[in-house]
C-alpha atoms as a PDB file:
ATOM      1  CA  MET A   1     118.225  97.953  91.356  1.00  0.00           C
ATOM      2  CA  LYS A   2     118.599 101.093  89.878  1.00  0.00           C
ATOM      3  CA  ILE A   3     114.637 102.819  90.682  1.00  0.00           C
ATOM      4  CA  GLN A   4     114.184 106.378  88.280  1.00  0.00           C
ATOM      5  CA  LEU A   5     110.890 107.816  88.766  1.00  0.00           C
ATOM      6  CA  HIS A   6     108.632 109.623  85.547  1.00  0.00           C
ATOM      7  CA  LYS A   7     107.794 113.359  85.904  1.00  0.00           C
ATOM      8  CA  HIS A   8     104.062 112.170  85.680  1.00  0.00           C
ATOM      9  CA  PHE A   9     105.082 110.058  88.611  1.00  0.00           C
ATOM     10  CA  ILE A  10     106.528 112.090  90.811  1.00  0.00           C
ATOM     11  CA  LYS A  11     103.424 114.216  90.624  1.00  0.00           C
ATOM     12  CA  GLN A  12     101.566 111.686  91.568  1.00  0.00           C
ATOM     13  CA  TYR A  13     103.330 111.418  94.302  1.00  0.00           C
ATOM     14  CA  LYS A  14     103.765 115.294  95.794  1.00  0.00           C
ATOM     15  CA  LYS A  15      99.239 115.153  95.051  1.00  0.00           C
ATOM     16  CA  LEU A  16      99.082 111.994  97.578  1.00  0.00           C
ATOM     17  CA  ARG A  17     101.048 113.707 100.899  1.00  0.00           C
ATOM     18  CA  THR A  18      98.685 111.157 103.391  1.00  0.00           C
ATOM     19  CA  ILE A  19     100.660 108.567 102.209  1.00  0.00           C
ATOM     20  CA  GLN A  20     104.460 109.281 101.087  1.00  0.00           C
ATOM     21  CA  ARG A  21     105.740 107.452 104.082  1.00  0.00           C
ATOM     22  CA  ARG A  22     104.227 104.267 102.815  1.00  0.00           C
ATOM     23  CA  ILE A  23     104.978 105.018  99.033  1.00  0.00           C
ATOM     24  CA  ASP A  24     109.151 105.629 100.243  1.00  0.00           C
ATOM     25  CA  GLU A  25     108.576 102.430 102.174  1.00  0.00           C
ATOM     26  CA  ARG A  26     107.712 100.128  99.037  1.00  0.00           C
ATOM     27  CA  LEU A  27     109.845 101.790  96.667  1.00  0.00           C
ATOM     28  CA  SER A  28     112.785 100.818  99.207  1.00  0.00           C
ATOM     29  CA  LEU A  29     111.568  97.433  99.575  1.00  0.00           C
ATOM     30  CA  PHE A  30     111.020  96.999  96.105  1.00  0.00           C
ATOM     31  CA  ARG A  31     115.066  97.982  95.893  1.00  0.00           C
ATOM     32  CA  ILE A  32     116.625  95.373  97.400  1.00  0.00           C
ATOM     33  CA  ARG A  33     113.524  92.955  96.797  1.00  0.00           C
ATOM     34  CA  PRO A  34     111.727  93.767  93.834  1.00  0.00           C
ATOM     35  CA  PHE A  35     109.763  90.075  94.010  1.00  0.00           C
ATOM     36  CA  ASP A  36     108.740  90.474  97.654  1.00  0.00           C
ATOM     37  CA  PRO A  37     105.319  88.689  98.282  1.00  0.00           C
ATOM     38  CA  ALA A  38     104.283  92.308 100.420  1.00  0.00           C
ATOM     39  CA  LEU A  39     104.299  94.229  96.714  1.00  0.00           C
ATOM     40  CA  ARG A  40     102.415  91.529  95.107  1.00  0.00           C
ATOM     41  CA  ASN A  41     104.565  92.173  91.569  1.00  0.00           C
ATOM     42  CA  HIS A  42     102.716  91.361  88.432  1.00  0.00           C
ATOM     43  CA  GLY A  43     103.310  91.831  85.080  1.00  0.00           C
ATOM     44  CA  LEU A  44      99.817  94.101  83.701  1.00  0.00           C
ATOM     45  CA  ALA A  45      97.874  94.217  79.935  1.00  0.00           C
ATOM     46  CA  GLY A  46      95.275  96.503  77.792  1.00  0.00           C
ATOM     47  CA  LYS A  47      97.067  99.536  77.982  1.00  0.00           C
ATOM     48  CA  TYR A  48      99.533  98.556  80.678  1.00  0.00           C
ATOM     49  CA  GLN A  49     101.021  96.271  77.993  1.00  0.00           C
ATOM     50  CA  GLY A  50     104.481  95.113  78.923  1.00  0.00           C
ATOM     51  CA  CYS A  51     104.338  96.924  82.196  1.00  0.00           C
ATOM     52  CA  ARG A  52     104.219  95.625  85.817  1.00  0.00           C
ATOM     53  CA  SER A  53     102.679  96.492  88.786  1.00  0.00           C
ATOM     54  CA  ILE A  54     103.587  96.796  92.801  1.00  0.00           C
ATOM     55  CA  ASN A  55     100.781  97.792  95.996  1.00  0.00           C
ATOM     56  CA  ILE A  56     101.832 100.529  97.706  1.00  0.00           C
ATOM     57  CA  THR A  57      98.491 100.223  99.771  1.00  0.00           C
ATOM     58  CA  GLY A  58      95.305  97.825  99.477  1.00  0.00           C
ATOM     59  CA  ASP A  59      94.101 100.563  96.641  1.00  0.00           C
ATOM     60  CA  PHE A  60      97.152 102.311  95.834  1.00  0.00           C
ATOM     61  CA  ARG A  61      99.309 100.733  93.159  1.00  0.00           C
ATOM     62  CA  ALA A  62     102.478 101.587  91.051  1.00  0.00           C
ATOM     63  CA  ILE A  63     103.373 101.049  86.952  1.00  0.00           C
ATOM     64  CA  TYR A  64     106.640 100.749  86.272  1.00  0.00           C
ATOM     65  CA  GLU A  65     108.391 100.101  82.585  1.00  0.00           C
ATOM     66  CA  LEU A  66     112.136  97.683  83.112  1.00  0.00           C
ATOM     67  CA  VAL A  67     114.705 100.151  81.398  1.00  0.00           C
ATOM     68  CA  ASP A  68     117.165  98.031  81.447  1.00  0.00           C
ATOM     69  CA  GLU A  69     118.528  94.645  83.675  1.00  0.00           C
ATOM     70  CA  GLU A  70     119.277  97.180  86.164  1.00  0.00           C
ATOM     71  CA  THR A  71     117.060  99.841  86.147  1.00  0.00           C
ATOM     72  CA  VAL A  72     113.469 100.356  86.003  1.00  0.00           C
ATOM     73  CA  ARG A  73     111.432 103.654  85.636  1.00  0.00           C
ATOM     74  CA  PHE A  74     108.023 104.412  87.401  1.00  0.00           C
ATOM     75  CA  ILE A  75     105.565 105.781  85.477  1.00  0.00           C
ATOM     76  CA  ASP A  76     102.119 106.077  86.970  1.00  0.00           C
ATOM     77  CA  LEU A  77     100.805 105.784  90.625  1.00  0.00           C
ATOM     78  CA  ASP A  78      97.347 105.706  92.078  1.00  0.00           C
ATOM     79  CA  THR A  79      94.408 104.346  92.866  1.00  0.00           C
ATOM     80  CA  HIS A  80      93.691 101.020  91.482  1.00  0.00           C
ATOM     81  CA  SER A  81      90.408 102.245  89.829  1.00  0.00           C
ATOM     82  CA  ASN A  82      91.739 105.492  88.491  1.00  0.00           C
ATOM     83  CA  LEU A  83      94.511 103.270  86.838  1.00  0.00           C
ATOM     84  CA  TYR A  84      92.155 100.629  85.133  1.00  0.00           C
ATOM     85  CA  LYS A  85      89.343 102.325  84.014  1.00  0.00           C
END
């Protein structure tokens, strides 16, 4: 699985120094097993219709979209409440 990072995702990542290692671990797991139960991978509705989300920590989520069969693009990274307000 190829992973691309949107510039907004990268900007958010840089702000989250305290959990960057956790983000890296989750993206590595996603690359190997995108539907591992620990990721709680699920489809979204509303403003993120057509996208999917994975859990980074109890409160942080990473949102991604499918680019093609082998590639995804992570587009956003933030707390659950900030993403879905």
